[in-house]
Amino acid sequence: MSQLEIKDLHVAIGDKAIVKGVTLTIRKGEVHAVMGPNGAGKSTLAKAIAGHPDYTITSGDVLLDGRSILEMEPDERARAGLFLAFQYPSEIPGVSIANFLRAARQARLAEGEEIDATDYYKRLYQKMDLLKIDRKFTSRSVNEGFSGGEKKRCEILQLAMIEPLFALMDETDSGLDVDAMKIVSEGVNQLRGPGLGILLITHYQRLLNYIVPDFVHVMVDGRIVKSGDKSLALELDAKGYDFWVKKGEPVAK
């Protein structure tokens, strides 16, 4: 079974250590939620795995189906099957969503292969219908003038079209009201299944009411201090992060 293995990973920004020894295995078909307070290292973990140049992996490894990805450039990691959904997606004025997604799919093809336009648009409209996105959406510039909910729906559409092996979703609920969160969550739930593994990063248990995880991990000060099933998120919501900070207990399997 395809899997993403994070092995004793340490990540720094400059001289400051942020992630301090995270070990985690995500298999295709699984949804893992990582929860924790601000500054815990959650977003740093996702960005480092994706290859963001501001983050330095000082030790440890990340394996995709047994192969280390640390020497790969970000685009190589993406072509290998990783997808990063940003907390704050960037605007790309002048580039339509349809053209952006076509270029993204083209980049994953072997050299010399070309996308068939008819098949591409057929697939695009199928995914948009699945995610309940108006087809006029594709003519808009990527994220330009979008609301928070529209930006996140755009990323879910990217996820649907690119079809990665593993999706790293960095605070997908950030900036969303309840209605937008329900819409985005419905999109994620439509895409989850045996062909996709998801690492879902969030502050709040409320998102997990809509995207129910298989596993929940509590991250504090760069380390996973507790792991469990979806009931752990409810316990965390009731006790708060301070409980785990004070308790300081090691990872529980």
C-alpha atoms as a PDB file:
ATOM      1  CA  MET A   1       0.000   0.000   0.000  1.00  0.00           C
ATOM      2  CA  SER A   2       1.249   3.482  -0.899  1.00  0.00           C
ATOM      3  CA  GLN A   3       2.345   5.524   2.109  1.00  0.00           C
ATOM      4  CA  LEU A   4       3.989   8.758   3.198  1.00  0.00           C
ATOM      5  CA  GLU A   5       6.467   8.219   6.045  1.00  0.00           C
ATOM      6  CA  ILE A   6       7.737  11.081   8.206  1.00  0.00           C
ATOM      7  CA  LYS A   7      10.692   9.775  10.188  1.00  0.00           C
ATOM      8  CA  ASP A   8      12.079  11.686  13.187  1.00  0.00           C
ATOM      9  CA  LEU A   9      11.813  14.938  11.257  1.00  0.00           C
ATOM     10  CA  HIS A  10      13.490  18.093  12.557  1.00  0.00           C
ATOM     11  CA  VAL A  11      12.855  21.414  10.803  1.00  0.00           C
ATOM     12  CA  ALA A  12      14.300  24.886  11.417  1.00  0.00           C
ATOM     13  CA  ILE A  13      13.794  28.412  10.158  1.00  0.00           C
ATOM     14  CA  GLY A  14      17.232  29.973  10.225  1.00  0.00           C
ATOM     15  CA  ASP A  15      18.735  29.010  13.588  1.00  0.00           C
ATOM     16  CA  LYS A  16      15.371  28.403  15.259  1.00  0.00           C
ATOM     17  CA  ALA A  17      14.203  24.792  15.629  1.00  0.00           C
ATOM     18  CA  ILE A  18      10.466  24.497  14.947  1.00  0.00           C
ATOM     19  CA  VAL A  19       9.719  20.812  14.361  1.00  0.00           C
ATOM     20  CA  LYS A  20      11.568  18.649  16.853  1.00  0.00           C
ATOM     21  CA  GLY A  21      11.345  15.006  15.919  1.00  0.00           C
ATOM     22  CA  VAL A  22       8.003  14.127  14.305  1.00  0.00           C
ATOM     23  CA  THR A  23       7.380  10.539  13.229  1.00  0.00           C
ATOM     24  CA  LEU A  24       4.162   9.752  11.398  1.00  0.00           C
ATOM     25  CA  THR A  25       2.979   7.314   8.699  1.00  0.00           C
ATOM     26  CA  ILE A  26       0.036   8.172   6.455  1.00  0.00           C
ATOM     27  CA  ARG A  27      -1.344   5.484   4.160  1.00  0.00           C
ATOM     28  CA  LYS A  28      -3.526   6.048   1.132  1.00  0.00           C
ATOM     29  CA  GLY A  29      -7.149   6.059   2.170  1.00  0.00           C
ATOM     30  CA  GLU A  30      -6.411   7.509   5.623  1.00  0.00           C
ATOM     31  CA  VAL A  31      -7.178  10.967   6.985  1.00  0.00           C
ATOM     32  CA  HIS A  32      -4.811  12.156   9.721  1.00  0.00           C
ATOM     33  CA  ALA A  33      -5.639  15.370  11.576  1.00  0.00           C
ATOM     34  CA  VAL A  34      -2.826  17.293  13.281  1.00  0.00           C
ATOM     35  CA  MET A  35      -4.072  19.731  15.912  1.00  0.00           C
ATOM     36  CA  GLY A  36      -2.199  22.143  18.132  1.00  0.00           C
ATOM     37  CA  PRO A  37      -1.874  25.753  19.301  1.00  0.00           C
ATOM     38  CA  ASN A  38      -0.309  28.584  17.318  1.00  0.00           C
ATOM     39  CA  GLY A  39       3.443  28.114  16.976  1.00  0.00           C
ATOM     40  CA  ALA A  40       3.319  24.356  17.518  1.00  0.00           C
ATOM     41  CA  GLY A  41       4.965  23.681  14.154  1.00  0.00           C
ATOM     42  CA  LYS A  42       1.967  22.292  12.256  1.00  0.00           C
ATOM     43  CA  SER A  43       2.222  24.510   9.173  1.00  0.00           C
ATOM     44  CA  THR A  44       6.013  24.249   9.237  1.00  0.00           C
ATOM     45  CA  LEU A  45       5.679  20.469   9.055  1.00  0.00           C
ATOM     46  CA  ALA A  46       3.455  20.631   5.972  1.00  0.00           C
ATOM     47  CA  LYS A  47       5.552  23.242   4.159  1.00  0.00           C
ATOM     48  CA  ALA A  48       8.813  21.428   4.872  1.00  0.00           C
ATOM     49  CA  ILE A  49       7.406  18.192   3.445  1.00  0.00           C
ATOM     50  CA  ALA A  50       6.282  20.078   0.336  1.00  0.00           C
ATOM     51  CA  GLY A  51       9.765  21.582  -0.082  1.00  0.00           C
ATOM     52  CA  HIS A  52       9.236  25.246   0.818  1.00  0.00           C
ATOM     53  CA  PRO A  53      12.671  26.931   0.581  1.00  0.00           C
ATOM     54  CA  ASP A  54      12.265  28.930   3.816  1.00  0.00           C
ATOM     55  CA  TYR A  55      12.297  25.750   5.896  1.00  0.00           C
ATOM     56  CA  THR A  56      15.407  23.654   6.475  1.00  0.00           C
ATOM     57  CA  ILE A  57      15.148  19.965   7.345  1.00  0.00           C
ATOM     58  CA  THR A  58      18.062  19.487   9.730  1.00  0.00           C
ATOM     59  CA  SER A  59      17.612  15.760  10.324  1.00  0.00           C
ATOM     60  CA  GLY A  60      15.211  12.926   9.716  1.00  0.00           C
ATOM     61  CA  ASP A  61      13.616  11.880   6.458  1.00  0.00           C
ATOM     62  CA  VAL A  62      10.382  11.878   4.458  1.00  0.00           C
ATOM     63  CA  LEU A  63       9.710   8.811   2.324  1.00  0.00           C
ATOM     64  CA  LEU A  64       7.091   8.508  -0.397  1.00  0.00           C
ATOM     65  CA  ASP A  65       6.539   4.826  -1.113  1.00  0.00           C
ATOM     66  CA  GLY A  66       9.934   4.071   0.380  1.00  0.00           C
ATOM     67  CA  ARG A  67      11.817   6.753  -1.563  1.00  0.00           C
ATOM     68  CA  SER A  68      13.270   9.813   0.156  1.00  0.00           C
ATOM     69  CA  ILE A  69      11.940  13.081  -1.274  1.00  0.00           C
ATOM     70  CA  LEU A  70      14.367  15.409   0.525  1.00  0.00           C
ATOM     71  CA  GLU A  71      16.626  15.896  -2.496  1.00  0.00           C
ATOM     72  CA  MET A  72      13.670  16.674  -4.755  1.00  0.00           C
ATOM     73  CA  GLU A  73      12.676  20.198  -5.758  1.00  0.00           C
ATOM     74  CA  PRO A  74       9.107  21.245  -4.834  1.00  0.00           C
ATOM     75  CA  ASP A  75       7.836  20.636  -8.388  1.00  0.00           C
ATOM     76  CA  GLU A  76       9.400  17.165  -8.371  1.00  0.00           C
ATOM     77  CA  ARG A  77       7.650  16.371  -5.099  1.00  0.00           C
ATOM     78  CA  ALA A  78       4.378  17.525  -6.621  1.00  0.00           C
ATOM     79  CA  ARG A  79       4.861  15.340  -9.684  1.00  0.00           C
ATOM     80  CA  ALA A  80       5.724  12.417  -7.402  1.00  0.00           C
ATOM     81  CA  GLY A  81       2.274  12.736  -5.825  1.00  0.00           C
ATOM     82  CA  LEU A  82       2.265  15.428  -3.111  1.00  0.00           C
ATOM     83  CA  PHE A  83      -0.228  18.298  -2.986  1.00  0.00           C
ATOM     84  CA  LEU A  84      -0.127  21.261  -0.591  1.00  0.00           C
ATOM     85  CA  ALA A  85      -3.296  23.267   0.057  1.00  0.00           C
ATOM     86  CA  PHE A  86      -2.223  26.627   1.465  1.00  0.00           C
ATOM     87  CA  GLN A  87      -3.604  28.391   4.501  1.00  0.00           C
ATOM     88  CA  TYR A  88      -3.563  31.638   2.521  1.00  0.00           C
ATOM     89  CA  PRO A  89      -3.682  30.857  -1.234  1.00  0.00           C
ATOM     90  CA  SER A  90      -2.000  33.407  -3.495  1.00  0.00           C
ATOM     91  CA  GLU A  91      -3.732  35.387  -6.235  1.00  0.00           C
ATOM     92  CA  ILE A  92      -2.527  34.877  -9.818  1.00  0.00           C
ATOM     93  CA  PRO A  93      -3.984  37.774 -11.841  1.00  0.00           C
ATOM     94  CA  GLY A  94      -4.442  37.159 -15.553  1.00  0.00           C
ATOM     95  CA  VAL A  95      -4.330  33.354 -15.323  1.00  0.00           C
ATOM     96  CA  SER A  96      -7.716  31.682 -15.560  1.00  0.00           C
ATOM     97  CA  ILE A  97      -8.530  28.716 -13.363  1.00  0.00           C
ATOM     98  CA  ALA A  98      -9.127  26.575 -16.463  1.00  0.00           C
ATOM     99  CA  ASN A  99      -5.693  27.368 -17.912  1.00  0.00           C
ATOM    100  CA  PHE A 100      -3.986  27.005 -14.540  1.00  0.00           C
ATOM    101  CA  LEU A 101      -5.448  23.541 -13.988  1.00  0.00           C
ATOM    102  CA  ARG A 102      -4.625  22.489 -17.536  1.00  0.00           C
ATOM    103  CA  ALA A 103      -0.985  23.519 -17.027  1.00  0.00           C
ATOM    104  CA  ALA A 104      -0.888  21.649 -13.696  1.00  0.00           C
ATOM    105  CA  ARG A 105      -2.154  18.443 -15.308  1.00  0.00           C
ATOM    106  CA  GLN A 106       0.182  18.863 -18.266  1.00  0.00           C
ATOM    107  CA  ALA A 107       3.153  19.151 -15.889  1.00  0.00           C
ATOM    108  CA  ARG A 108       2.446  15.678 -14.538  1.00  0.00           C
ATOM    109  CA  LEU A 109       2.539  14.024 -17.961  1.00  0.00           C
ATOM    110  CA  ALA A 110       5.617  12.411 -19.446  1.00  0.00           C
ATOM    111  CA  GLU A 111       7.720  14.522 -21.787  1.00  0.00           C
ATOM    112  CA  GLY A 112       6.132  14.667 -25.229  1.00  0.00           C
ATOM    113  CA  GLU A 113       2.620  13.818 -24.044  1.00  0.00           C
ATOM    114  CA  GLU A 114      -0.104  16.391 -24.550  1.00  0.00           C
ATOM    115  CA  ILE A 115      -3.481  16.843 -22.902  1.00  0.00           C
ATOM    116  CA  ASP A 116      -6.476  16.260 -25.152  1.00  0.00           C
ATOM    117  CA  ALA A 117      -8.570  19.417 -24.829  1.00  0.00           C
ATOM    118  CA  THR A 118     -11.919  17.643 -25.170  1.00  0.00           C
ATOM    119  CA  ASP A 119     -11.064  15.062 -22.517  1.00  0.00           C
ATOM    120  CA  TYR A 120      -9.638  17.761 -20.263  1.00  0.00           C
ATOM    121  CA  TYR A 121     -12.782  19.889 -20.242  1.00  0.00           C
ATOM    122  CA  LYS A 122     -15.003  16.846 -19.890  1.00  0.00           C
ATOM    123  CA  ARG A 123     -13.050  15.856 -16.794  1.00  0.00           C
ATOM    124  CA  LEU A 124     -12.976  19.422 -15.449  1.00  0.00           C
ATOM    125  CA  TYR A 125     -16.739  19.806 -15.709  1.00  0.00           C
ATOM    126  CA  GLN A 126     -17.299  16.402 -14.117  1.00  0.00           C
ATOM    127  CA  LYS A 127     -15.213  17.443 -11.112  1.00  0.00           C
ATOM    128  CA  MET A 128     -16.935  20.823 -10.889  1.00  0.00           C
ATOM    129  CA  ASP A 129     -20.347  19.163 -10.925  1.00  0.00           C
ATOM    130  CA  LEU A 130     -19.177  16.742  -8.216  1.00  0.00           C
ATOM    131  CA  LEU A 131     -18.014  19.673  -6.065  1.00  0.00           C
ATOM    132  CA  LYS A 132     -21.099  21.778  -6.935  1.00  0.00           C
ATOM    133  CA  ILE A 133     -19.018  24.576  -8.475  1.00  0.00           C
ATOM    134  CA  ASP A 134     -20.581  26.818 -11.125  1.00  0.00           C
ATOM    135  CA  ARG A 135     -18.861  26.306 -14.494  1.00  0.00           C
ATOM    136  CA  LYS A 136     -18.432  30.075 -14.913  1.00  0.00           C
ATOM    137  CA  PHE A 137     -15.891  29.802 -12.096  1.00  0.00           C
ATOM    138  CA  THR A 138     -13.207  28.510 -14.496  1.00  0.00           C
ATOM    139  CA  SER A 139     -13.014  31.785 -16.450  1.00  0.00           C
ATOM    140  CA  ARG A 140     -11.971  33.769 -13.376  1.00  0.00           C
ATOM    141  CA  SER A 141      -8.352  34.532 -12.557  1.00  0.00           C
ATOM    142  CA  VAL A 142      -6.929  32.235  -9.880  1.00  0.00           C
ATOM    143  CA  ASN A 143      -8.023  33.545  -6.469  1.00  0.00           C
ATOM    144  CA  GLU A 144      -8.228  37.169  -7.678  1.00  0.00           C
ATOM    145  CA  GLY A 145     -10.940  38.926  -5.708  1.00  0.00           C
ATOM    146  CA  PHE A 146     -12.074  35.639  -4.197  1.00  0.00           C
ATOM    147  CA  SER A 147     -13.660  35.292  -0.795  1.00  0.00           C
ATOM    148  CA  GLY A 148     -12.002  32.949   1.698  1.00  0.00           C
ATOM    149  CA  GLY A 149     -14.499  30.231   0.841  1.00  0.00           C
ATOM    150  CA  GLU A 150     -13.979  30.639  -2.914  1.00  0.00           C
ATOM    151  CA  LYS A 151     -10.193  30.353  -2.514  1.00  0.00           C
ATOM    152  CA  LYS A 152     -10.551  27.113  -0.590  1.00  0.00           C
ATOM    153  CA  ARG A 153     -13.048  25.709  -3.096  1.00  0.00           C
ATOM    154  CA  CYS A 154     -10.571  26.549  -5.847  1.00  0.00           C
ATOM    155  CA  GLU A 155      -7.934  24.508  -4.026  1.00  0.00           C
ATOM    156  CA  ILE A 156     -10.333  21.588  -3.629  1.00  0.00           C
ATOM    157  CA  LEU A 157     -10.941  21.737  -7.384  1.00  0.00           C
ATOM    158  CA  GLN A 158      -7.167  21.683  -7.935  1.00  0.00           C
ATOM    159  CA  LEU A 159      -6.940  18.648  -5.678  1.00  0.00           C
ATOM    160  CA  ALA A 160      -9.700  16.922  -7.646  1.00  0.00           C
ATOM    161  CA  MET A 161      -8.067  17.606 -11.005  1.00  0.00           C
ATOM    162  CA  ILE A 162      -4.443  16.885 -10.093  1.00  0.00           C
ATOM    163  CA  GLU A 163      -5.271  13.631  -8.249  1.00  0.00           C
ATOM    164  CA  PRO A 164      -2.201  13.394  -5.991  1.00  0.00           C
ATOM    165  CA  LEU A 165      -1.356  10.427  -3.809  1.00  0.00           C
ATOM    166  CA  PHE A 166      -1.226  12.567  -0.654  1.00  0.00           C
ATOM    167  CA  ALA A 167      -2.703  15.956   0.199  1.00  0.00           C
ATOM    168  CA  LEU A 168      -1.243  18.211   2.895  1.00  0.00           C
ATOM    169  CA  MET A 169      -4.059  20.575   3.878  1.00  0.00           C
ATOM    170  CA  ASP A 170      -2.748  23.503   5.897  1.00  0.00           C
ATOM    171  CA  GLU A 171      -5.564  24.980   8.009  1.00  0.00           C
ATOM    172  CA  THR A 172      -8.216  24.528   5.355  1.00  0.00           C
ATOM    173  CA  ASP A 173     -10.763  26.091   7.734  1.00  0.00           C
ATOM    174  CA  SER A 174      -8.797  29.339   8.141  1.00  0.00           C
ATOM    175  CA  GLY A 175     -10.941  32.385   7.355  1.00  0.00           C
ATOM    176  CA  LEU A 176     -14.102  30.382   6.666  1.00  0.00           C
ATOM    177  CA  ASP A 177     -17.535  30.952   8.151  1.00  0.00           C
ATOM    178  CA  VAL A 178     -19.630  27.917   9.037  1.00  0.00           C
ATOM    179  CA  ASP A 179     -21.444  27.770   5.683  1.00  0.00           C
ATOM    180  CA  ALA A 180     -18.201  27.964   3.681  1.00  0.00           C
ATOM    181  CA  MET A 181     -16.612  25.351   5.943  1.00  0.00           C
ATOM    182  CA  LYS A 182     -19.483  22.959   5.256  1.00  0.00           C
ATOM    183  CA  ILE A 183     -19.142  23.455   1.496  1.00  0.00           C
ATOM    184  CA  VAL A 184     -15.372  22.926   1.510  1.00  0.00           C
ATOM    185  CA  SER A 185     -15.661  19.926   3.820  1.00  0.00           C
ATOM    186  CA  GLU A 186     -18.244  18.362   1.545  1.00  0.00           C
ATOM    187  CA  GLY A 187     -15.759  18.720  -1.309  1.00  0.00           C
ATOM    188  CA  VAL A 188     -12.992  17.029   0.671  1.00  0.00           C
ATOM    189  CA  ASN A 189     -15.340  14.224   1.661  1.00  0.00           C
ATOM    190  CA  GLN A 190     -16.272  13.687  -1.993  1.00  0.00           C
ATOM    191  CA  LEU A 191     -12.582  13.193  -2.823  1.00  0.00           C
ATOM    192  CA  ARG A 192     -11.459  11.099   0.141  1.00  0.00           C
ATOM    193  CA  GLY A 193     -11.149   7.399  -0.495  1.00  0.00           C
ATOM    194  CA  PRO A 194      -8.673   4.573  -1.100  1.00  0.00           C
ATOM    195  CA  GLY A 195      -6.688   6.550  -3.676  1.00  0.00           C
ATOM    196  CA  LEU A 196      -5.847   9.545  -1.467  1.00  0.00           C
ATOM    197  CA  GLY A 197      -4.113  10.036   1.882  1.00  0.00           C
ATOM    198  CA  ILE A 198      -4.757  13.310   3.719  1.00  0.00           C
ATOM    199  CA  LEU A 199      -2.808  15.190   6.387  1.00  0.00           C
ATOM    200  CA  LEU A 200      -5.293  17.745   7.705  1.00  0.00           C
ATOM    201  CA  ILE A 201      -3.911  20.562   9.849  1.00  0.00           C
ATOM    202  CA  THR A 202      -6.303  22.559  12.015  1.00  0.00           C
ATOM    203  CA  HIS A 203      -6.613  24.487  15.263  1.00  0.00           C
ATOM    204  CA  TYR A 204     -10.217  23.636  15.860  1.00  0.00           C
ATOM    205  CA  GLN A 205     -12.234  20.520  16.489  1.00  0.00           C
ATOM    206  CA  ARG A 206     -15.213  22.008  14.623  1.00  0.00           C
ATOM    207  CA  LEU A 207     -13.705  21.185  11.203  1.00  0.00           C
ATOM    208  CA  LEU A 208     -13.496  17.559  12.289  1.00  0.00           C
ATOM    209  CA  ASN A 209     -17.274  17.525  12.740  1.00  0.00           C
ATOM    210  CA  TYR A 210     -17.451  17.710   8.944  1.00  0.00           C
ATOM    211  CA  ILE A 211     -14.265  15.897   7.884  1.00  0.00           C
ATOM    212  CA  VAL A 212     -14.094  12.995  10.321  1.00  0.00           C
ATOM    213  CA  PRO A 213     -10.468  11.805  10.626  1.00  0.00           C
ATOM    214  CA  ASP A 214      -9.243   8.261  11.061  1.00  0.00           C
ATOM    215  CA  PHE A 215      -6.435   9.461  13.341  1.00  0.00           C
ATOM    216  CA  VAL A 216      -5.851  12.605  15.420  1.00  0.00           C
ATOM    217  CA  HIS A 217      -2.437  13.844  16.594  1.00  0.00           C
ATOM    218  CA  VAL A 218      -1.821  16.635  19.095  1.00  0.00           C
ATOM    219  CA  MET A 219       1.267  18.709  18.304  1.00  0.00           C
ATOM    220  CA  VAL A 220       2.839  20.959  20.954  1.00  0.00           C
ATOM    221  CA  ASP A 221       6.203  22.723  20.739  1.00  0.00           C
ATOM    222  CA  GLY A 222       7.287  20.886  17.622  1.00  0.00           C
ATOM    223  CA  ARG A 223       6.434  17.400  18.860  1.00  0.00           C
ATOM    224  CA  ILE A 224       3.467  15.044  18.666  1.00  0.00           C
ATOM    225  CA  VAL A 225       2.500  14.549  22.303  1.00  0.00           C
ATOM    226  CA  LYS A 226      -0.616  12.431  21.868  1.00  0.00           C
ATOM    227  CA  SER A 227      -2.202  10.316  19.121  1.00  0.00           C
ATOM    228  CA  GLY A 228      -5.573   8.630  18.991  1.00  0.00           C
ATOM    229  CA  ASP A 229      -8.819   8.308  17.076  1.00  0.00           C
ATOM    230  CA  LYS A 230     -11.433  10.988  16.420  1.00  0.00           C
ATOM    231  CA  SER A 231     -12.467  10.994  20.099  1.00  0.00           C
ATOM    232  CA  LEU A 232      -9.128  12.627  20.934  1.00  0.00           C
ATOM    233  CA  ALA A 233     -10.270  15.800  19.158  1.00  0.00           C
ATOM    234  CA  LEU A 234     -13.290  15.987  21.456  1.00  0.00           C
ATOM    235  CA  GLU A 235     -11.084  15.481  24.501  1.00  0.00           C
ATOM    236  CA  LEU A 236      -8.777  18.216  23.263  1.00  0.00           C
ATOM    237  CA  ASP A 237     -11.706  20.547  22.696  1.00  0.00           C
ATOM    238  CA  ALA A 238     -12.884  19.951  26.262  1.00  0.00           C
ATOM    239  CA  LYS A 239      -9.506  20.215  28.016  1.00  0.00           C
ATOM    240  CA  GLY A 240      -7.699  22.729  25.803  1.00  0.00           C
ATOM    241  CA  TYR A 241      -4.091  22.748  24.656  1.00  0.00           C
ATOM    242  CA  ASP A 242      -2.747  23.911  28.021  1.00  0.00           C
ATOM    243  CA  PHE A 243      -3.565  20.498  29.452  1.00  0.00           C
ATOM    244  CA  TRP A 244      -1.172  18.797  27.045  1.00  0.00           C
ATOM    245  CA  VAL A 245       1.502  21.463  27.432  1.00  0.00           C
ATOM    246  CA  LYS A 246       1.477  21.055  31.210  1.00  0.00           C
ATOM    247  CA  LYS A 247       1.171  17.301  31.078  1.00  0.00           C
ATOM    248  CA  GLY A 248       4.014  16.990  28.580  1.00  0.00           C
ATOM    249  CA  GLU A 249       3.417  13.303  28.070  1.00  0.00           C
ATOM    250  CA  PRO A 250       5.102  11.416  25.210  1.00  0.00           C
ATOM    251  CA  VAL A 251       3.435  10.061  22.114  1.00  0.00           C
ATOM    252  CA  ALA A 252       0.748   7.494  22.837  1.00  0.00           C
ATOM    253  CA  LYS A 253      -0.078   4.991  20.120  1.00  0.00           C
END
